[in-house]
């Protein structure tokens, strides 16, 4: 698969949101090790109708939803959540670290936990969930990060892929959805998630323009 990704160029953006183990070195941290892993084919990636471009320095794309999670602390418990609210939206969203095989733990992200941004397919409804990815972005001024890119320029943000996450609305049956979501594996078999009602919150959630270009490595 490494040779495939290194020789591919135009890639369906849905691959970026797919479940499954990733490579653990720069420029290909976003890339799946296999398309046949149980956690990959069991939950098909969303169809976005968009493509990304794989280059030597990482995966390039634009047109995705993104938030800057300002001053968010690293969770200390592996089953804890990151809760956040978005300006103009009354819902509270819960960000859940997906514990597929080889998806990093919170603890393993400590050295890279700075300038955290959340990229996601779409905001979930009350009963569903949505795919997302945490990245460690550049130390860019908040005003510049939230501004629209100048005409003719994408303002590419280079960021390190950190971990796959899932988003839920923290309301109604969200807890039941998490409890039955197969995110832990033992010898290839899914295990029920241990529920821990502990969460951290960012000091502010800032929208990042969908017109921003990203390079994820």
Protein backbone atom coordinates (compact mmCIF):
# COMPACT_ATOMS: atom_id res chain seq x y z
CA UNK A 1 0.00 0.00 0.00
CA UNK A 2 2.88 2.37 0.65
CA UNK A 3 4.01 2.08 -2.97
CA UNK A 4 0.42 2.64 -4.12
CA UNK A 5 -0.01 5.84 -2.12
CA UNK A 6 3.42 7.13 -3.12
CA UNK A 7 2.64 6.67 -6.81
CA UNK A 8 -1.01 7.78 -6.69
CA UNK A 9 -1.86 11.42 -7.24
CA UNK A 10 -5.60 12.14 -7.35
CA UNK A 11 -7.29 10.37 -4.43
CA UNK A 12 -10.96 10.39 -3.35
CA UNK A 13 -11.13 12.65 -0.29
CA UNK A 14 -13.33 10.07 1.44
CA UNK A 15 -10.18 8.01 2.07
CA UNK A 16 -9.05 10.73 4.49
CA UNK A 17 -12.11 10.06 6.71
CA UNK A 18 -11.97 6.25 6.51
CA UNK A 19 -11.44 4.02 9.55
CA UNK A 20 -8.32 1.91 9.84
CA UNK A 21 -4.61 1.76 10.71
CA UNK A 22 -2.36 4.43 9.20
CA UNK A 23 1.34 4.64 8.41
CA UNK A 24 3.41 6.10 11.23
CA UNK A 25 5.85 8.36 9.39
CA UNK A 26 5.64 11.87 8.00
CA UNK A 27 4.02 12.55 4.59
CA UNK A 28 1.91 9.35 4.82
CA UNK A 29 0.35 9.52 8.29
CA UNK A 30 -2.99 10.17 6.58
CA UNK A 31 -2.75 7.01 4.41
CA UNK A 32 -4.43 3.69 5.22
CA UNK A 33 -2.16 0.67 5.54
CA UNK A 34 -4.85 -1.54 4.05
CA UNK A 35 -8.28 -1.19 2.47
CA UNK A 36 -9.22 -4.68 3.70
CA UNK A 37 -8.93 -4.12 7.45
CA UNK A 38 -12.22 -4.95 9.28
CA UNK A 39 -12.52 -1.44 10.69
CA UNK A 40 -12.19 0.01 7.17
CA UNK A 41 -14.73 -2.01 5.20
CA UNK A 42 -17.18 -2.28 8.14
CA UNK A 43 -17.74 1.51 8.12
CA UNK A 44 -17.42 2.77 4.54
CA UNK A 45 -15.99 6.30 4.21
CA UNK A 46 -18.38 9.09 3.24
CA UNK A 47 -18.73 9.99 -0.42
CA UNK A 48 -17.64 13.60 -0.70
CA UNK A 49 -17.41 14.01 -4.48
CA UNK A 50 -14.05 15.69 -3.92
CA UNK A 51 -10.49 14.62 -4.61
CA UNK A 52 -7.21 15.28 -2.84
CA UNK A 53 -3.73 15.37 -4.32
CA UNK A 54 -0.93 13.22 -2.90
CA UNK A 55 2.43 14.96 -3.22
CA UNK A 56 5.86 14.32 -1.74
CA UNK A 57 5.19 16.54 1.27
CA UNK A 58 1.72 15.20 2.12
CA UNK A 59 -1.94 15.14 1.10
CA UNK A 60 -3.21 18.43 -0.38
CA UNK A 61 -6.87 19.44 -0.44
CA UNK A 62 -9.33 22.23 0.32
CA UNK A 63 -13.08 22.56 0.76
CA UNK A 64 -13.35 20.78 4.14
CA UNK A 65 -14.92 21.90 7.41
CA UNK A 66 -12.42 22.82 10.10
CA UNK A 67 -12.30 24.31 13.60
CA UNK A 68 -9.39 25.68 15.56
CA UNK A 69 -9.76 24.29 19.11
CA UNK A 70 -8.00 27.05 20.99
CA UNK A 71 -6.15 26.18 24.22
CA UNK A 72 -7.69 22.72 24.47
CA UNK A 73 -5.93 20.52 27.02
CA UNK A 74 -4.85 16.99 26.22
CA UNK A 75 -7.31 14.52 27.83
CA UNK A 76 -5.73 12.43 30.58
CA UNK A 77 -8.07 9.42 30.38
CA UNK A 78 -8.20 7.35 27.23
CA UNK A 79 -12.01 7.21 27.10
CA UNK A 80 -12.56 10.88 27.92
CA UNK A 81 -14.08 13.32 25.44
CA UNK A 82 -13.51 16.81 24.14
CA UNK A 83 -16.72 18.84 24.37
CA UNK A 84 -17.22 22.05 22.44
CA UNK A 85 -19.83 24.49 21.21
CA UNK A 86 -19.85 26.54 18.03
CA UNK A 87 -20.89 30.16 17.86
CA UNK A 88 -24.46 30.45 16.57
CA UNK A 89 -25.23 26.78 17.32
CA UNK A 90 -27.05 25.74 20.51
CA UNK A 91 -25.82 22.13 20.36
CA UNK A 92 -22.89 20.76 22.36
CA UNK A 93 -20.67 18.41 20.37
CA UNK A 94 -18.56 15.58 21.77
CA UNK A 95 -15.32 14.58 20.11
CA UNK A 96 -14.42 10.93 20.66
CA UNK A 97 -11.02 9.41 19.99
CA UNK A 98 -11.54 6.39 17.75
CA UNK A 99 -9.64 3.46 19.19
CA UNK A 100 -9.23 1.36 16.11
CA UNK A 101 -6.12 -0.80 15.89
CA UNK A 102 -3.07 1.52 15.86
CA UNK A 103 -5.04 4.74 16.18
CA UNK A 104 -2.93 6.80 18.62
CA UNK A 105 -3.90 7.12 22.27
CA UNK A 106 -4.32 10.51 23.92
CA UNK A 107 -1.12 9.91 25.90
CA UNK A 108 0.95 9.23 22.77
CA UNK A 109 -0.03 12.63 21.33
CA UNK A 110 1.50 14.68 24.17
CA UNK A 111 4.64 15.68 22.24
CA UNK A 112 2.55 17.03 19.35
CA UNK A 113 -0.32 18.61 21.27
CA UNK A 114 -0.20 22.23 20.09
CA UNK A 115 -2.24 24.42 17.75
CA UNK A 116 -4.93 21.72 17.57
CA UNK A 117 -7.38 21.83 14.67
CA UNK A 118 -10.33 19.55 13.94
CA UNK A 119 -11.11 18.66 10.33
CA UNK A 120 -14.44 16.94 9.79
CA UNK A 121 -16.77 15.73 7.07
CA UNK A 122 -19.91 17.37 8.46
CA UNK A 123 -21.53 18.16 11.79
CA UNK A 124 -23.60 15.20 13.02
CA UNK A 125 -27.33 15.16 13.68
CA UNK A 126 -28.88 14.17 17.01
CA UNK A 127 -28.63 10.41 16.53
CA UNK A 128 -25.72 9.94 14.18
CA UNK A 129 -21.99 10.53 14.13
CA UNK A 130 -19.53 12.08 11.71
CA UNK A 131 -15.92 11.34 10.82
CA UNK A 132 -13.16 13.73 11.82
CA UNK A 133 -9.40 14.05 12.11
CA UNK A 134 -7.31 15.95 14.65
CA UNK A 135 -4.21 17.70 13.32
CA UNK A 136 -1.45 19.74 14.89
CA UNK A 137 -1.38 22.90 12.84
CA UNK A 138 1.11 25.71 12.42
CA UNK A 139 1.40 28.47 15.01
CA UNK A 140 -0.66 30.94 12.96
CA UNK A 141 -2.29 34.04 14.38
CA UNK A 142 -5.94 33.33 15.18
CA UNK A 143 -7.18 36.28 13.14
CA UNK A 144 -5.22 35.11 10.11
CA UNK A 145 -6.39 31.51 10.58
CA UNK A 146 -10.05 32.50 10.56
CA UNK A 147 -9.79 34.97 7.70
CA UNK A 148 -10.83 34.19 4.14
CA UNK A 149 -7.81 33.45 1.91
CA UNK A 150 -6.99 36.18 -0.55
CA UNK A 151 -8.37 35.79 -4.03
CA UNK A 152 -6.19 33.50 -6.10
CA UNK A 153 -4.41 32.08 -3.07
CA UNK A 154 -5.40 29.09 -0.99
CA UNK A 155 -3.21 29.97 1.98
CA UNK A 156 -2.10 26.36 2.49
CA UNK A 157 -1.82 25.24 6.12
CA UNK A 158 0.69 22.48 6.73
CA UNK A 159 -0.36 20.23 9.62
CA UNK A 160 0.61 16.90 11.18
CA UNK A 161 -2.02 14.14 11.20
CA UNK A 162 -2.65 13.18 14.84
CA UNK A 163 -5.62 10.84 15.20
CA UNK A 164 -8.98 9.80 13.86
CA UNK A 165 -12.02 10.91 15.84
CA UNK A 166 -15.80 10.71 15.69
CA UNK A 167 -18.21 13.54 16.44
CA UNK A 168 -21.53 13.21 18.25
CA UNK A 169 -24.14 15.66 19.42
CA UNK A 170 -24.02 15.51 23.21
CA UNK A 171 -27.76 15.18 23.50
CA UNK A 172 -30.42 12.50 23.46
CA UNK A 173 -29.09 9.08 22.54
CA UNK A 174 -25.46 10.05 21.93
CA UNK A 175 -24.20 8.01 24.90
CA UNK A 176 -26.00 4.91 23.62
CA UNK A 177 -24.45 5.39 20.20
CA UNK A 178 -20.96 5.51 21.69
CA UNK A 179 -21.57 2.50 23.92
CA UNK A 180 -22.46 0.35 20.91
CA UNK A 181 -19.85 1.74 18.52
CA UNK A 182 -17.11 -0.88 17.99
CA UNK A 183 -13.94 1.12 18.53
CA UNK A 184 -11.86 -1.35 20.57
CA UNK A 185 -10.50 -4.60 19.19
CA UNK A 186 -8.99 -7.72 20.72
CA UNK A 187 -7.70 -10.41 18.38
CA UNK A 188 -9.73 -8.79 15.61
CA UNK A 189 -13.00 -8.80 17.56
CA UNK A 190 -14.74 -5.56 18.63
CA UNK A 191 -15.11 -4.89 22.35
CA UNK A 192 -17.63 -2.59 24.06
CA UNK A 193 -16.38 0.86 24.99
CA UNK A 194 -15.87 1.73 28.62
CA UNK A 195 -17.88 4.88 29.34
CA UNK A 196 -16.04 7.64 31.20
CA UNK A 197 -17.97 10.83 31.87
CA UNK A 198 -14.89 13.06 31.82
CA UNK A 199 -14.33 15.77 29.26
CA UNK A 200 -12.18 18.80 28.46
CA UNK A 201 -13.21 21.94 26.59
CA UNK A 202 -11.31 24.40 24.40
CA UNK A 203 -11.32 28.04 25.49
CA UNK A 204 -12.78 28.99 22.10
CA UNK A 205 -13.77 27.28 18.86
CA UNK A 206 -12.87 29.22 15.74
CA UNK A 207 -14.14 28.34 12.27
CA UNK A 208 -11.54 28.01 9.56
CA UNK A 209 -12.56 28.95 6.04
CA UNK A 210 -13.43 26.01 3.77
CA UNK A 211 -11.43 27.78 1.07
CA UNK A 212 -8.24 27.17 3.03
CA UNK A 213 -5.84 24.70 1.49
CA UNK A 214 -4.35 21.98 3.68
CA UNK A 215 -1.22 19.86 3.43
CA UNK A 216 -1.52 16.94 5.87
CA UNK A 217 1.65 14.99 6.48
